[in-house]
Amino acid sequence: MNVSDLFLAEEEPVLNEWMRNFDSLDNLFLAMPQLYANLKSQDIEGTIEDGAVLSGPVHIGRGAVVHAQAIIHGPSIVGPDAVINSHTEIQSGSFIGSKCVIGHSCSIIQSMIMNNTWIGAGAFIRNSMIGSGSVVGPGVALGPVGVERASAANSHTTRGAVLGDYAVVGANSTIKSGTIVGARTIVGEGVLASGIYEPNQTVTLVSALDIKARHEHS
């Protein structure tokens, strides 16, 4: 699936132009550090509540709010009007788009989350990309899991999961590394998803097992 098939919504003009330079997800993922190349110090235009911690070069956009007990490590970018709730930790190399809401007690690691996306409490997102207008339910894990998670702990090149624009992932689902969920596709609750899911699909526990079996025997 091409970058243009997954990410349909208009981003900020600069980001939109930058993304059009890439014809594959792997190339886009490897180029993510370019987003932070000019970020040398903290640039705070939003609100940082008492008790929140920013470490290293971090950009907080106008109107964004970082709540108490949240931690953000740079280089990272939080876009305008985004909300980072308490006890969430955002690791270096992460991009949070404008008007995103990141729930309580989430872990975001080297990932790109585009505009107007909602992330539920307790989500774990590593080395992954999430398109605009998406919804990720509470307790969801995206990217390396199990032994994959241990081996990816120090990796900046391992691609995790990719969700296209307006995708929905139900609570407590796991989207494994290398999985691609197409734009406007809905993944139900408690699903272990692995493989490629085309746009505009509904993926339940049963259908995910069927797709996994077909990939294993193809």
N, C-alpha and C. Protein backbone atom coordinates (compact mmCIF):
# COMPACT_ATOMS: atom_id res chain seq x y z
N MET A 1 0.84 -1.19 0.00
CA MET A 1 0.00 0.00 0.00
C MET A 1 0.88 1.25 0.00
N ASN A 2 0.59 2.18 -0.87
CA ASN A 2 1.40 3.39 -1.00
C ASN A 2 1.06 4.41 0.08
N VAL A 3 2.00 5.35 0.29
CA VAL A 3 1.78 6.43 1.25
C VAL A 3 0.51 7.19 0.90
N SER A 4 0.30 7.47 -0.38
CA SER A 4 -0.86 8.26 -0.81
C SER A 4 -2.17 7.52 -0.61
N ASP A 5 -2.13 6.18 -0.54
CA ASP A 5 -3.34 5.39 -0.30
C ASP A 5 -3.77 5.42 1.17
N LEU A 6 -2.80 5.65 2.06
CA LEU A 6 -3.07 5.58 3.49
C LEU A 6 -3.41 6.92 4.10
N PHE A 7 -2.70 7.96 3.66
CA PHE A 7 -2.81 9.26 4.29
C PHE A 7 -3.48 10.21 3.32
N LEU A 8 -4.79 10.40 3.51
CA LEU A 8 -5.61 11.12 2.55
C LEU A 8 -5.91 12.55 2.99
N ALA A 9 -5.90 12.78 4.29
CA ALA A 9 -6.32 14.08 4.82
C ALA A 9 -5.24 15.13 4.60
N GLU A 10 -5.68 16.37 4.56
CA GLU A 10 -4.74 17.48 4.44
C GLU A 10 -4.07 17.74 5.79
N GLU A 11 -2.77 17.69 5.82
CA GLU A 11 -2.00 18.05 7.01
C GLU A 11 -1.61 19.52 6.91
N GLU A 12 -0.75 19.98 7.84
CA GLU A 12 -0.19 21.30 7.68
C GLU A 12 0.55 21.33 6.35
N PRO A 13 0.52 22.44 5.62
CA PRO A 13 1.10 22.49 4.28
C PRO A 13 2.55 22.00 4.22
N VAL A 14 3.36 22.38 5.21
CA VAL A 14 4.77 21.98 5.18
C VAL A 14 4.90 20.46 5.31
N LEU A 15 4.14 19.87 6.24
CA LEU A 15 4.20 18.41 6.43
C LEU A 15 3.65 17.69 5.21
N ASN A 16 2.58 18.22 4.64
CA ASN A 16 1.97 17.61 3.45
C ASN A 16 2.98 17.55 2.30
N GLU A 17 3.67 18.66 2.10
CA GLU A 17 4.66 18.72 1.02
C GLU A 17 5.80 17.74 1.28
N TRP A 18 6.24 17.66 2.54
CA TRP A 18 7.32 16.75 2.90
C TRP A 18 6.93 15.29 2.66
N MET A 19 5.70 14.90 3.03
CA MET A 19 5.26 13.52 2.89
C MET A 19 5.14 13.10 1.43
N ARG A 20 4.87 14.06 0.55
CA ARG A 20 4.74 13.72 -0.87
C ARG A 20 6.06 13.31 -1.50
N ASN A 21 7.17 13.47 -0.77
CA ASN A 21 8.47 13.08 -1.30
C ASN A 21 8.72 11.57 -1.25
N PHE A 22 7.83 10.82 -0.61
CA PHE A 22 8.12 9.41 -0.34
C PHE A 22 7.11 8.51 -1.03
N ASP A 23 7.65 7.49 -1.72
CA ASP A 23 6.79 6.56 -2.44
C ASP A 23 6.58 5.25 -1.69
N SER A 24 7.23 5.09 -0.54
CA SER A 24 7.05 3.87 0.24
C SER A 24 7.03 4.20 1.73
N LEU A 25 6.35 3.35 2.49
CA LEU A 25 6.29 3.54 3.93
C LEU A 25 7.65 3.42 4.58
N ASP A 26 8.46 2.48 4.09
CA ASP A 26 9.79 2.30 4.67
C ASP A 26 10.63 3.56 4.52
N ASN A 27 10.58 4.18 3.34
CA ASN A 27 11.34 5.41 3.13
C ASN A 27 10.82 6.54 3.99
N LEU A 28 9.50 6.62 4.14
CA LEU A 28 8.91 7.65 4.99
C LEU A 28 9.35 7.46 6.44
N PHE A 29 9.31 6.22 6.91
CA PHE A 29 9.69 5.94 8.29
C PHE A 29 11.15 6.30 8.54
N LEU A 30 12.02 5.90 7.62
CA LEU A 30 13.45 6.17 7.80
C LEU A 30 13.76 7.66 7.78
N ALA A 31 12.89 8.44 7.12
CA ALA A 31 13.12 9.89 7.01
C ALA A 31 12.55 10.67 8.17
N MET A 32 11.86 10.02 9.10
CA MET A 32 11.23 10.76 10.19
C MET A 32 12.17 11.68 10.97
N PRO A 33 13.44 11.30 11.20
CA PRO A 33 14.33 12.22 11.91
C PRO A 33 14.48 13.59 11.25
N GLN A 34 14.17 13.69 9.95
CA GLN A 34 14.23 14.99 9.28
C GLN A 34 13.28 16.01 9.92
N LEU A 35 12.20 15.52 10.51
CA LEU A 35 11.22 16.42 11.12
C LEU A 35 11.83 17.22 12.27
N TYR A 36 12.83 16.65 12.92
CA TYR A 36 13.40 17.26 14.12
C TYR A 36 14.78 17.85 13.88
N ALA A 37 15.24 17.85 12.63
CA ALA A 37 16.62 18.24 12.34
C ALA A 37 16.94 19.66 12.81
N ASN A 38 15.97 20.56 12.74
CA ASN A 38 16.21 21.96 13.11
C ASN A 38 15.77 22.29 14.53
N LEU A 39 15.38 21.28 15.29
CA LEU A 39 14.90 21.50 16.65
C LEU A 39 16.08 21.35 17.61
N LYS A 40 16.63 22.48 18.04
CA LYS A 40 17.85 22.47 18.85
C LYS A 40 17.61 22.81 20.31
N SER A 41 16.44 23.36 20.61
CA SER A 41 16.16 23.76 21.98
C SER A 41 14.66 23.68 22.22
N GLN A 42 14.24 23.94 23.44
CA GLN A 42 12.81 23.92 23.74
C GLN A 42 12.12 25.15 23.18
N ASP A 43 10.97 24.93 22.56
CA ASP A 43 10.20 25.99 21.93
C ASP A 43 8.75 25.82 22.40
N ILE A 44 8.36 26.58 23.40
CA ILE A 44 7.09 26.37 24.08
C ILE A 44 6.12 27.49 23.74
N GLU A 45 5.06 27.16 23.00
CA GLU A 45 4.02 28.12 22.68
C GLU A 45 2.70 27.79 23.38
N GLY A 46 2.60 26.59 23.95
CA GLY A 46 1.39 26.16 24.62
C GLY A 46 1.52 26.24 26.13
N THR A 47 0.72 25.45 26.84
CA THR A 47 0.66 25.47 28.31
C THR A 47 1.28 24.20 28.88
N ILE A 48 2.22 24.36 29.80
CA ILE A 48 2.85 23.24 30.49
C ILE A 48 2.43 23.32 31.95
N GLU A 49 1.63 22.39 32.42
CA GLU A 49 1.17 22.43 33.81
C GLU A 49 2.31 22.09 34.77
N ASP A 50 2.18 22.58 35.99
CA ASP A 50 3.14 22.24 37.04
C ASP A 50 3.19 20.72 37.21
N GLY A 51 4.39 20.19 37.30
CA GLY A 51 4.57 18.76 37.46
C GLY A 51 4.83 18.01 36.17
N ALA A 52 4.57 18.66 35.02
CA ALA A 52 4.94 18.06 33.74
C ALA A 52 6.44 18.24 33.53
N VAL A 53 7.05 17.33 32.80
CA VAL A 53 8.50 17.36 32.59
C VAL A 53 8.80 17.33 31.10
N LEU A 54 9.59 18.31 30.66
CA LEU A 54 10.11 18.33 29.29
C LEU A 54 11.62 18.18 29.35
N SER A 55 12.15 17.28 28.55
CA SER A 55 13.58 17.01 28.56
C SER A 55 14.13 17.10 27.15
N GLY A 56 15.13 17.97 26.94
CA GLY A 56 15.73 18.09 25.62
C GLY A 56 14.92 18.98 24.71
N PRO A 57 15.26 19.02 23.41
CA PRO A 57 14.57 19.91 22.47
C PRO A 57 13.16 19.41 22.16
N VAL A 58 12.19 20.18 22.62
CA VAL A 58 10.78 19.83 22.45
C VAL A 58 10.04 21.07 21.94
N HIS A 59 9.21 20.89 20.91
CA HIS A 59 8.34 21.98 20.45
C HIS A 59 6.92 21.68 20.90
N ILE A 60 6.31 22.64 21.59
CA ILE A 60 4.92 22.55 22.01
C ILE A 60 4.16 23.67 21.30
N GLY A 61 3.23 23.30 20.41
CA GLY A 61 2.55 24.27 19.58
C GLY A 61 1.56 25.14 20.34
N ARG A 62 1.15 26.23 19.69
CA ARG A 62 0.23 27.19 20.28
C ARG A 62 -1.10 26.51 20.64
N GLY A 63 -1.56 26.74 21.85
CA GLY A 63 -2.83 26.19 22.30
C GLY A 63 -2.75 24.76 22.82
N ALA A 64 -1.61 24.11 22.68
CA ALA A 64 -1.46 22.75 23.20
C ALA A 64 -1.35 22.78 24.72
N VAL A 65 -1.76 21.69 25.38
CA VAL A 65 -1.70 21.58 26.83
C VAL A 65 -1.01 20.27 27.20
N VAL A 66 0.02 20.38 28.04
CA VAL A 66 0.69 19.20 28.59
C VAL A 66 0.35 19.16 30.07
N HIS A 67 -0.41 18.13 30.48
CA HIS A 67 -0.92 18.08 31.84
C HIS A 67 0.14 17.59 32.83
N ALA A 68 -0.15 17.83 34.10
CA ALA A 68 0.76 17.44 35.18
C ALA A 68 1.10 15.96 35.11
N GLN A 69 2.37 15.65 35.44
CA GLN A 69 2.89 14.29 35.48
C GLN A 69 3.13 13.69 34.10
N ALA A 70 2.87 14.42 33.04
CA ALA A 70 3.27 13.95 31.71
C ALA A 70 4.76 14.21 31.52
N ILE A 71 5.40 13.37 30.71
CA ILE A 71 6.83 13.50 30.44
C ILE A 71 7.03 13.46 28.93
N ILE A 72 7.79 14.42 28.41
CA ILE A 72 8.11 14.45 26.98
C ILE A 72 9.62 14.60 26.82
N HIS A 73 10.21 13.66 26.09
CA HIS A 73 11.64 13.67 25.82
C HIS A 73 11.87 14.17 24.39
N GLY A 74 12.84 15.05 24.22
CA GLY A 74 13.17 15.53 22.90
C GLY A 74 14.27 14.72 22.24
N PRO A 75 14.39 14.88 20.92
CA PRO A 75 13.57 15.78 20.10
C PRO A 75 12.19 15.21 19.82
N SER A 76 11.18 16.01 20.10
CA SER A 76 9.80 15.64 19.81
C SER A 76 9.01 16.91 19.50
N ILE A 77 7.90 16.72 18.79
CA ILE A 77 7.04 17.83 18.40
C ILE A 77 5.61 17.53 18.82
N VAL A 78 4.97 18.49 19.48
CA VAL A 78 3.55 18.42 19.81
C VAL A 78 2.88 19.59 19.11
N GLY A 79 1.93 19.31 18.24
CA GLY A 79 1.34 20.34 17.41
C GLY A 79 0.34 21.22 18.13
N PRO A 80 -0.14 22.26 17.44
CA PRO A 80 -1.09 23.21 18.04
C PRO A 80 -2.37 22.52 18.53
N ASP A 81 -2.86 22.97 19.69
CA ASP A 81 -4.14 22.54 20.25
C ASP A 81 -4.20 21.05 20.61
N ALA A 82 -3.05 20.39 20.67
CA ALA A 82 -3.01 19.00 21.12
C ALA A 82 -3.11 18.96 22.64
N VAL A 83 -3.55 17.82 23.17
CA VAL A 83 -3.65 17.62 24.61
C VAL A 83 -2.90 16.35 24.99
N ILE A 84 -1.95 16.50 25.91
CA ILE A 84 -1.20 15.35 26.43
C ILE A 84 -1.62 15.18 27.89
N ASN A 85 -2.31 14.09 28.19
CA ASN A 85 -2.85 13.91 29.53
C ASN A 85 -1.82 13.36 30.51
N SER A 86 -2.19 13.37 31.78
CA SER A 86 -1.25 13.07 32.86
C SER A 86 -0.74 11.63 32.79
N HIS A 87 0.48 11.45 33.29
CA HIS A 87 1.14 10.15 33.38
C HIS A 87 1.43 9.51 32.03
N THR A 88 1.34 10.29 30.98
CA THR A 88 1.75 9.82 29.65
C THR A 88 3.20 10.18 29.43
N GLU A 89 3.93 9.27 28.77
CA GLU A 89 5.34 9.52 28.46
C GLU A 89 5.53 9.45 26.95
N ILE A 90 6.09 10.51 26.39
CA ILE A 90 6.40 10.57 24.97
C ILE A 90 7.91 10.56 24.82
N GLN A 91 8.42 9.52 24.18
CA GLN A 91 9.86 9.36 24.03
C GLN A 91 10.37 10.15 22.84
N SER A 92 11.68 10.33 22.79
CA SER A 92 12.31 11.12 21.74
C SER A 92 11.99 10.53 20.36
N GLY A 93 11.94 11.43 19.38
CA GLY A 93 11.66 11.00 18.02
C GLY A 93 10.19 10.80 17.74
N SER A 94 9.32 11.53 18.47
CA SER A 94 7.87 11.39 18.27
C SER A 94 7.27 12.69 17.75
N PHE A 95 6.22 12.55 16.96
CA PHE A 95 5.49 13.69 16.39
C PHE A 95 4.02 13.52 16.71
N ILE A 96 3.45 14.50 17.39
CA ILE A 96 2.02 14.51 17.73
C ILE A 96 1.39 15.66 16.98
N GLY A 97 0.46 15.38 16.09
CA GLY A 97 -0.12 16.41 15.25
C GLY A 97 -1.09 17.32 15.98
N SER A 98 -1.56 18.33 15.27
CA SER A 98 -2.45 19.31 15.86
C SER A 98 -3.79 18.68 16.24
N LYS A 99 -4.35 19.15 17.36
CA LYS A 99 -5.66 18.76 17.87
C LYS A 99 -5.74 17.27 18.23
N CYS A 100 -4.61 16.62 18.40
CA CYS A 100 -4.62 15.25 18.91
C CYS A 100 -4.92 15.26 20.41
N VAL A 101 -5.54 14.19 20.89
CA VAL A 101 -5.73 13.99 22.32
C VAL A 101 -5.07 12.66 22.68
N ILE A 102 -4.08 12.72 23.56
CA ILE A 102 -3.38 11.53 24.04
C ILE A 102 -3.84 11.27 25.46
N GLY A 103 -4.45 10.10 25.71
CA GLY A 103 -5.06 9.81 26.99
C GLY A 103 -4.06 9.62 28.12
N HIS A 104 -4.59 9.33 29.28
CA HIS A 104 -3.76 9.12 30.47
C HIS A 104 -2.91 7.86 30.33
N SER A 105 -1.70 7.92 30.88
CA SER A 105 -0.85 6.74 31.07
C SER A 105 -0.52 6.02 29.77
N CYS A 106 -0.33 6.78 28.70
CA CYS A 106 0.10 6.21 27.42
C CYS A 106 1.62 6.23 27.31
N SER A 107 2.14 5.37 26.44
CA SER A 107 3.56 5.40 26.08
C SER A 107 3.65 5.56 24.57
N ILE A 108 4.29 6.65 24.14
CA ILE A 108 4.47 6.93 22.71
C ILE A 108 5.97 6.95 22.45
N ILE A 109 6.44 6.07 21.58
CA ILE A 109 7.89 5.91 21.39
C ILE A 109 8.21 5.97 19.90
N GLN A 110 8.97 6.95 19.49
CA GLN A 110 9.45 7.08 18.12
C GLN A 110 8.32 6.85 17.11
N SER A 111 7.24 7.57 17.28
CA SER A 111 6.06 7.37 16.44
C SER A 111 5.53 8.70 15.92
N MET A 112 4.77 8.61 14.82
CA MET A 112 4.13 9.78 14.22
C MET A 112 2.62 9.62 14.33
N ILE A 113 1.97 10.57 15.00
CA ILE A 113 0.52 10.56 15.15
C ILE A 113 0.00 11.85 14.51
N MET A 114 -0.77 11.71 13.46
CA MET A 114 -1.17 12.87 12.67
C MET A 114 -2.41 13.54 13.25
N ASN A 115 -2.83 14.62 12.60
CA ASN A 115 -3.82 15.55 13.16
C ASN A 115 -5.13 14.89 13.57
N ASN A 116 -5.76 15.47 14.61
CA ASN A 116 -7.13 15.14 15.00
C ASN A 116 -7.32 13.67 15.37
N THR A 117 -6.29 13.07 15.92
CA THR A 117 -6.37 11.66 16.32
C THR A 117 -6.55 11.56 17.83
N TRP A 118 -7.34 10.57 18.25
CA TRP A 118 -7.63 10.35 19.67
C TRP A 118 -7.01 9.02 20.09
N ILE A 119 -6.20 9.06 21.15
CA ILE A 119 -5.54 7.87 21.68
C ILE A 119 -6.06 7.62 23.09
N GLY A 120 -6.63 6.44 23.33
CA GLY A 120 -7.21 6.11 24.62
C GLY A 120 -6.19 5.84 25.70
N ALA A 121 -6.65 5.83 26.93
CA ALA A 121 -5.78 5.66 28.09
C ALA A 121 -5.03 4.32 28.02
N GLY A 122 -3.76 4.37 28.43
CA GLY A 122 -2.97 3.16 28.56
C GLY A 122 -2.48 2.57 27.25
N ALA A 123 -2.62 3.28 26.15
CA ALA A 123 -2.14 2.76 24.86
C ALA A 123 -0.61 2.74 24.84
N PHE A 124 -0.06 1.76 24.12
CA PHE A 124 1.39 1.63 23.93
C PHE A 124 1.65 1.68 22.44
N ILE A 125 2.41 2.68 21.98
CA ILE A 125 2.64 2.90 20.55
C ILE A 125 4.14 3.06 20.33
N ARG A 126 4.75 2.11 19.61
CA ARG A 126 6.19 2.18 19.35
C ARG A 126 6.47 2.05 17.85
N ASN A 127 7.33 2.93 17.35
CA ASN A 127 7.83 2.85 15.97
C ASN A 127 6.69 2.76 14.96
N SER A 128 5.62 3.49 15.19
CA SER A 128 4.42 3.35 14.38
C SER A 128 3.95 4.69 13.82
N MET A 129 3.06 4.62 12.82
CA MET A 129 2.45 5.80 12.22
C MET A 129 0.94 5.67 12.27
N ILE A 130 0.28 6.75 12.67
CA ILE A 130 -1.18 6.76 12.76
C ILE A 130 -1.69 7.96 11.98
N GLY A 131 -2.59 7.72 11.04
CA GLY A 131 -3.08 8.78 10.18
C GLY A 131 -4.06 9.71 10.87
N SER A 132 -4.42 10.75 10.18
CA SER A 132 -5.32 11.78 10.71
C SER A 132 -6.71 11.24 11.00
N GLY A 133 -7.35 11.81 12.04
CA GLY A 133 -8.73 11.49 12.34
C GLY A 133 -8.95 10.08 12.83
N SER A 134 -7.90 9.41 13.27
CA SER A 134 -8.02 8.03 13.73
C SER A 134 -8.41 7.97 15.20
N VAL A 135 -8.91 6.80 15.61
CA VAL A 135 -9.29 6.56 17.00
C VAL A 135 -8.62 5.26 17.44
N VAL A 136 -7.82 5.34 18.49
CA VAL A 136 -7.14 4.18 19.05
C VAL A 136 -7.66 3.99 20.47
N GLY A 137 -8.32 2.86 20.73
CA GLY A 137 -8.99 2.66 21.99
C GLY A 137 -8.05 2.43 23.17
N PRO A 138 -8.59 2.44 24.37
CA PRO A 138 -7.78 2.21 25.57
C PRO A 138 -7.10 0.85 25.55
N GLY A 139 -5.88 0.82 26.05
CA GLY A 139 -5.16 -0.44 26.19
C GLY A 139 -4.65 -1.06 24.91
N VAL A 140 -4.69 -0.33 23.81
CA VAL A 140 -4.21 -0.85 22.53
C VAL A 140 -2.69 -0.82 22.49
N ALA A 141 -2.09 -1.83 21.83
CA ALA A 141 -0.65 -1.85 21.59
C ALA A 141 -0.40 -1.85 20.10
N LEU A 142 0.42 -0.91 19.64
CA LEU A 142 0.82 -0.83 18.24
C LEU A 142 2.34 -0.98 18.15
N GLY A 143 2.79 -1.88 17.26
CA GLY A 143 4.22 -2.04 17.07
C GLY A 143 4.75 -3.29 17.72
N PRO A 144 6.05 -3.30 18.03
CA PRO A 144 6.68 -4.51 18.56
C PRO A 144 6.02 -4.99 19.86
N VAL A 145 5.75 -6.28 19.92
CA VAL A 145 5.19 -6.90 21.12
C VAL A 145 6.03 -8.11 21.50
N GLY A 146 5.98 -8.50 22.77
CA GLY A 146 6.71 -9.68 23.22
C GLY A 146 8.20 -9.57 22.98
N VAL A 147 8.79 -10.59 22.37
CA VAL A 147 10.24 -10.57 22.11
C VAL A 147 10.59 -9.50 21.10
N GLU A 148 9.63 -9.16 20.21
CA GLU A 148 9.87 -8.06 19.26
C GLU A 148 10.12 -6.77 20.00
N ARG A 149 9.35 -6.55 21.08
CA ARG A 149 9.48 -5.30 21.84
C ARG A 149 10.88 -5.17 22.44
N ALA A 150 11.41 -6.28 22.96
CA ALA A 150 12.74 -6.25 23.55
C ALA A 150 13.81 -5.95 22.51
N SER A 151 13.70 -6.56 21.34
CA SER A 151 14.72 -6.36 20.31
C SER A 151 14.64 -4.98 19.68
N ALA A 152 13.44 -4.35 19.74
CA ALA A 152 13.25 -3.02 19.13
C ALA A 152 13.55 -1.89 20.10
N ALA A 153 13.88 -2.23 21.34
CA ALA A 153 14.01 -1.20 22.39
C ALA A 153 15.01 -0.13 22.02
N ASN A 154 16.09 -0.49 21.34
CA ASN A 154 17.12 0.49 20.99
C ASN A 154 17.20 0.73 19.49
N SER A 155 16.15 0.35 18.77
CA SER A 155 16.18 0.47 17.31
C SER A 155 15.43 1.71 16.85
N HIS A 156 16.05 2.43 15.91
CA HIS A 156 15.40 3.59 15.30
C HIS A 156 14.93 3.26 13.89
N THR A 157 15.10 2.02 13.45
CA THR A 157 14.81 1.66 12.06
C THR A 157 13.75 0.58 11.93
N THR A 158 13.33 -0.04 13.04
CA THR A 158 12.31 -1.08 12.98
C THR A 158 10.94 -0.43 12.80
N ARG A 159 10.26 -0.76 11.69
CA ARG A 159 8.93 -0.18 11.46
C ARG A 159 7.89 -0.98 12.21
N GLY A 160 7.07 -0.28 12.98
CA GLY A 160 6.00 -0.93 13.71
C GLY A 160 4.75 -1.03 12.87
N ALA A 161 3.61 -0.65 13.43
CA ALA A 161 2.34 -0.72 12.72
C ALA A 161 2.03 0.61 12.03
N VAL A 162 1.17 0.54 11.02
CA VAL A 162 0.74 1.73 10.29
C VAL A 162 -0.78 1.73 10.20
N LEU A 163 -1.41 2.81 10.64
CA LEU A 163 -2.85 3.00 10.49
C LEU A 163 -3.09 4.13 9.50
N GLY A 164 -3.92 3.90 8.50
CA GLY A 164 -4.28 4.96 7.58
C GLY A 164 -5.23 5.96 8.22
N ASP A 165 -5.53 7.02 7.49
CA ASP A 165 -6.43 8.06 8.00
C ASP A 165 -7.80 7.48 8.37
N TYR A 166 -8.37 7.99 9.46
CA TYR A 166 -9.72 7.66 9.93
C TYR A 166 -9.88 6.18 10.29
N ALA A 167 -8.77 5.51 10.57
CA ALA A 167 -8.85 4.13 11.06
C ALA A 167 -9.34 4.14 12.50
N VAL A 168 -9.96 3.03 12.92
CA VAL A 168 -10.44 2.87 14.29
C VAL A 168 -9.93 1.52 14.81
N VAL A 169 -9.34 1.53 16.00
CA VAL A 169 -8.89 0.30 16.65
C VAL A 169 -9.57 0.20 18.00
N GLY A 170 -10.29 -0.90 18.23
CA GLY A 170 -11.02 -1.08 19.47
C GLY A 170 -10.13 -1.37 20.65
N ALA A 171 -10.70 -1.24 21.83
CA ALA A 171 -9.95 -1.38 23.08
C ALA A 171 -9.24 -2.73 23.17
N ASN A 172 -8.03 -2.68 23.74
CA ASN A 172 -7.26 -3.87 24.09
C ASN A 172 -6.87 -4.73 22.88
N SER A 173 -6.86 -4.14 21.70
CA SER A 173 -6.36 -4.84 20.52
C SER A 173 -4.84 -4.65 20.41
N THR A 174 -4.19 -5.56 19.68
CA THR A 174 -2.76 -5.48 19.42
C THR A 174 -2.54 -5.48 17.91
N ILE A 175 -1.85 -4.48 17.42
CA ILE A 175 -1.53 -4.36 16.00
C ILE A 175 -0.02 -4.58 15.88
N LYS A 176 0.39 -5.72 15.36
CA LYS A 176 1.79 -6.12 15.40
C LYS A 176 2.64 -5.36 14.39
N SER A 177 3.95 -5.40 14.60
CA SER A 177 4.90 -4.77 13.68
C SER A 177 4.69 -5.26 12.26
N GLY A 178 4.80 -4.33 11.30
CA GLY A 178 4.65 -4.68 9.90
C GLY A 178 3.22 -4.69 9.42
N THR A 179 2.26 -4.56 10.34
CA THR A 179 0.85 -4.57 9.97
C THR A 179 0.46 -3.21 9.38
N ILE A 180 -0.35 -3.25 8.34
CA ILE A 180 -0.88 -2.04 7.73
C ILE A 180 -2.40 -2.10 7.77
N VAL A 181 -3.01 -1.11 8.38
CA VAL A 181 -4.47 -1.01 8.46
C VAL A 181 -4.88 0.14 7.55
N GLY A 182 -5.66 -0.16 6.53
CA GLY A 182 -6.00 0.83 5.53
C GLY A 182 -6.89 1.95 6.06
N ALA A 183 -6.97 3.02 5.27
CA ALA A 183 -7.79 4.17 5.64
C ALA A 183 -9.24 3.75 5.85
N ARG A 184 -9.85 4.29 6.92
CA ARG A 184 -11.26 4.08 7.27
C ARG A 184 -11.58 2.62 7.62
N THR A 185 -10.57 1.83 7.90
CA THR A 185 -10.82 0.45 8.33
C THR A 185 -11.03 0.42 9.85
N ILE A 186 -11.94 -0.43 10.30
CA ILE A 186 -12.27 -0.56 11.71
C ILE A 186 -11.78 -1.92 12.21
N VAL A 187 -10.95 -1.90 13.25
CA VAL A 187 -10.49 -3.13 13.91
C VAL A 187 -11.23 -3.22 15.24
N GLY A 188 -11.91 -4.34 15.47
CA GLY A 188 -12.72 -4.49 16.66
C GLY A 188 -11.92 -4.62 17.94
N GLU A 189 -12.62 -4.80 19.04
CA GLU A 189 -11.97 -4.92 20.34
C GLU A 189 -11.31 -6.30 20.49
N GLY A 190 -10.16 -6.31 21.17
CA GLY A 190 -9.50 -7.55 21.52
C GLY A 190 -8.93 -8.33 20.37
N VAL A 191 -8.67 -7.68 19.24
CA VAL A 191 -8.14 -8.35 18.05
C VAL A 191 -6.61 -8.34 18.08
N LEU A 192 -6.00 -9.45 17.69
CA LEU A 192 -4.57 -9.52 17.44
C LEU A 192 -4.39 -9.45 15.93
N ALA A 193 -3.99 -8.28 15.43
CA ALA A 193 -3.96 -8.04 13.98
C ALA A 193 -2.53 -8.14 13.45
N SER A 194 -2.40 -8.88 12.34
CA SER A 194 -1.10 -9.05 11.70
C SER A 194 -1.34 -9.21 10.21
N GLY A 195 -0.67 -8.41 9.40
CA GLY A 195 -0.86 -8.51 7.96
C GLY A 195 -1.28 -7.18 7.37
N ILE A 196 -1.94 -7.24 6.22
CA ILE A 196 -2.38 -6.04 5.50
C ILE A 196 -3.90 -6.06 5.39
N TYR A 197 -4.51 -4.99 5.86
CA TYR A 197 -5.96 -4.85 5.85
C TYR A 197 -6.32 -3.70 4.91
N GLU A 198 -7.08 -4.00 3.89
CA GLU A 198 -7.42 -3.01 2.87
C GLU A 198 -8.31 -1.90 3.44
N PRO A 199 -8.39 -0.77 2.76
CA PRO A 199 -9.25 0.33 3.22
C PRO A 199 -10.72 -0.08 3.32
N ASN A 200 -11.44 0.61 4.20
CA ASN A 200 -12.90 0.49 4.31
C ASN A 200 -13.36 -0.92 4.68
N GLN A 201 -12.59 -1.60 5.54
CA GLN A 201 -12.95 -2.93 6.00
C GLN A 201 -13.34 -2.90 7.48
N THR A 202 -14.01 -3.95 7.92
CA THR A 202 -14.26 -4.15 9.34
C THR A 202 -13.59 -5.46 9.73
N VAL A 203 -12.68 -5.39 10.71
CA VAL A 203 -11.88 -6.55 11.10
C VAL A 203 -12.31 -6.98 12.50
N THR A 204 -12.84 -8.19 12.60
CA THR A 204 -13.21 -8.76 13.89
C THR A 204 -12.19 -9.82 14.27
N LEU A 205 -12.34 -10.39 15.45
CA LEU A 205 -11.43 -11.44 15.89
C LEU A 205 -11.41 -12.59 14.90
N VAL A 206 -12.57 -13.01 14.42
CA VAL A 206 -12.65 -14.14 13.48
C VAL A 206 -12.00 -13.79 12.15
N SER A 207 -12.31 -12.61 11.59
CA SER A 207 -11.74 -12.25 10.29
C SER A 207 -10.24 -12.04 10.37
N ALA A 208 -9.73 -11.55 11.51
CA ALA A 208 -8.29 -11.37 11.67
C ALA A 208 -7.59 -12.73 11.64
N LEU A 209 -8.17 -13.74 12.28
CA LEU A 209 -7.58 -15.08 12.25
C LEU A 209 -7.59 -15.64 10.84
N ASP A 210 -8.65 -15.38 10.07
CA ASP A 210 -8.74 -15.85 8.70
C ASP A 210 -7.68 -15.20 7.82
N ILE A 211 -7.49 -13.90 7.97
CA ILE A 211 -6.47 -13.19 7.19
C ILE A 211 -5.08 -13.69 7.55
N LYS A 212 -4.82 -13.92 8.84
CA LYS A 212 -3.53 -14.43 9.28
C LYS A 212 -3.27 -15.80 8.66
N ALA A 213 -4.25 -16.67 8.63
CA ALA A 213 -4.08 -18.00 8.06
C ALA A 213 -3.78 -17.92 6.56
N ARG A 214 -4.48 -17.02 5.86
CA ARG A 214 -4.25 -16.90 4.42
C ARG A 214 -2.85 -16.40 4.12
N HIS A 215 -2.34 -15.45 4.95
CA HIS A 215 -0.97 -14.95 4.75
C HIS A 215 0.05 -16.04 5.01
N GLU A 216 -0.20 -16.87 6.02
CA GLU A 216 0.75 -17.93 6.36
C GLU A 216 0.83 -19.01 5.30
N HIS A 217 -0.23 -19.21 4.52
CA HIS A 217 -0.25 -20.27 3.51
C HIS A 217 -0.10 -19.75 2.09
N SER A 218 0.13 -18.44 1.97
CA SER A 218 0.28 -17.89 0.61
C SER A 218 1.71 -18.00 0.12
